[in-house]
Protein backbone atom coordinates (compact mmCIF):
# COMPACT_ATOMS: atom_id res chain seq x y z
CA MET A 1 -27.91 118.10 55.54
CA ALA A 2 -25.36 117.38 58.15
CA SER A 3 -21.89 118.58 57.95
CA LYS A 4 -19.13 116.03 56.67
CA LEU A 5 -16.48 117.96 58.71
CA VAL A 6 -15.06 115.64 61.36
CA VAL A 7 -14.00 118.38 63.59
CA ASP A 8 -16.28 121.51 64.44
CA VAL A 9 -17.56 123.48 61.58
CA ILE A 10 -16.00 126.73 63.79
CA ALA A 11 -12.36 127.20 63.99
CA GLU A 12 -11.34 129.80 66.38
CA ASP A 13 -8.39 132.13 66.41
CA VAL A 14 -7.14 131.36 63.05
CA LYS A 15 -4.56 133.20 60.88
CA ALA A 16 -5.76 134.02 57.52
CA GLU A 17 -3.62 135.65 54.76
CA PHE A 18 -5.64 137.45 51.72
CA SER A 19 -3.56 138.23 48.68
CA ASN A 20 -3.54 139.30 44.89
CA LEU A 21 -7.10 140.94 45.57
CA GLU A 22 -8.84 142.54 43.02
CA ILE A 23 -11.57 145.07 43.71
CA HIS A 24 -14.83 144.90 41.62
CA MET A 25 -17.23 146.80 43.84
CA GLY A 26 -17.14 148.89 46.85
CA GLN A 27 -14.72 151.02 48.99
CA PHE A 28 -11.99 148.54 49.92
CA ARG A 29 -8.41 149.47 48.53
CA GLU A 30 -5.78 147.14 49.98
CA THR A 31 -4.43 144.30 47.48
CA LYS A 32 -3.57 142.04 50.49
CA PHE A 33 -3.94 141.79 54.43
CA LYS A 34 -3.72 139.40 57.24
CA MET A 35 -6.12 138.74 60.24
CA LYS A 36 -6.91 136.70 62.86
CA CYS A 37 -10.34 135.44 62.85
CA ASN A 38 -12.94 132.88 63.59
CA VAL A 39 -14.05 130.62 60.81
CA THR A 40 -17.39 129.01 60.29
CA TYR A 41 -18.57 126.93 57.67
CA GLU A 42 -22.35 126.44 57.42
CA ASP A 43 -24.95 126.14 54.56
CA GLN A 44 -22.03 126.60 51.72
CA LEU A 45 -21.03 129.63 53.37
CA LEU A 46 -17.66 130.39 54.63
CA VAL A 47 -17.35 133.06 57.03
CA MET A 48 -14.26 134.57 58.25
CA ASP A 49 -14.98 136.89 61.17
CA GLY A 50 -11.90 139.00 62.38
CA GLY A 51 -14.01 141.55 64.41
CA LYS A 52 -13.78 144.63 62.40
CA ARG A 53 -13.34 142.98 59.07
CA VAL A 54 -15.63 139.99 57.84
CA ALA A 55 -14.88 137.99 54.81
CA ARG A 56 -17.90 135.92 53.12
CA LEU A 57 -17.42 133.53 50.62
CA HIS A 58 -20.19 130.77 49.32
CA ALA A 59 -18.99 127.52 48.07
CA ARG A 60 -19.99 128.20 44.46
CA ASN A 61 -17.17 130.79 44.42
CA ILE A 62 -14.74 128.77 45.15
CA GLY A 63 -12.56 128.33 42.28
CA ASN A 64 -9.81 125.93 43.77
CA VAL A 65 -8.63 124.75 47.04
CA HIS A 66 -4.92 123.80 47.65
CA LEU A 67 -3.96 121.57 50.76
CA GLU A 68 -0.61 122.81 52.15
CA LYS A 69 1.15 121.33 55.44
CA LYS A 70 -0.97 123.37 58.05
CA ALA A 71 -3.33 125.62 55.74
CA LEU A 72 -5.61 125.78 52.92
CA ARG A 73 -5.13 128.04 49.80
CA ILE A 74 -8.38 128.96 48.58
CA SER A 75 -8.87 130.68 45.11
CA ALA A 76 -12.00 132.62 45.43
CA LEU A 77 -14.35 134.59 43.06
CA ASN A 78 -16.81 137.52 44.06
CA PHE A 79 -16.55 137.42 47.73
CA GLU A 80 -17.60 140.17 50.37
CA ILE A 81 -15.55 142.08 52.65
CA VAL A 82 -17.42 143.87 55.12
CA GLU A 83 -16.00 146.74 57.01
CA GLY A 84 -18.28 148.33 59.01
CA GLU A 85 -21.46 149.19 56.82
CA ASN A 86 -19.04 149.09 53.72
CA VAL A 87 -19.23 145.89 51.63
CA SER A 88 -16.82 145.16 48.77
CA VAL A 89 -16.85 142.28 46.36
CA VAL A 90 -13.28 141.03 45.63
CA THR A 91 -11.57 138.12 43.92
CA GLY A 92 -8.14 136.83 45.41
CA SER A 93 -6.34 134.06 47.11
CA ILE A 94 -7.06 133.13 50.95
CA GLN A 95 -4.59 131.33 52.80
CA VAL A 96 -6.30 130.02 55.92
CA GLU A 97 -4.10 128.00 58.73
CA PHE A 98 -6.01 125.23 60.14
CA GLY A 99 -3.15 123.66 61.66
CA ILE A 100 -4.15 119.71 62.50
CA ASP A 101 -7.31 120.21 61.29
CA THR A 102 -6.38 121.00 57.82
CA ASP A 103 -7.14 117.91 56.01
CA ALA A 104 -10.78 117.92 57.54
CA TRP A 105 -11.44 121.26 56.48
CA TYR A 106 -10.13 120.37 52.97
CA GLN A 107 -12.25 117.27 52.66
CA GLU A 108 -15.55 119.67 53.74
CA LEU A 109 -14.75 122.52 51.41
CA TRP A 110 -13.08 120.35 48.49
CA GLY A 111 -13.34 116.74 48.77
């Protein structure tokens, strides 16, 4: 199935802020952090790759998406945070700043 996203399903050098994190499994211990990352969305998998740290979120685990001025705030359940070989499962809020492409990403993830 082709993607509905008007822009590419890749966004580079995007600011992402993770907050209110609750760790369910794994060694990850932070309750909030920020990273600059590349974001891709393909086959219902949203991947935020910051190099040393990668977050993977399946569409079925998106609780809600709020459209902000130049960002999306995603309420996410049971998503992965990978650091090296350590994989943790967490729940929390993710704010992703897509800039002018925010509306298109909103439609793709929640529309």
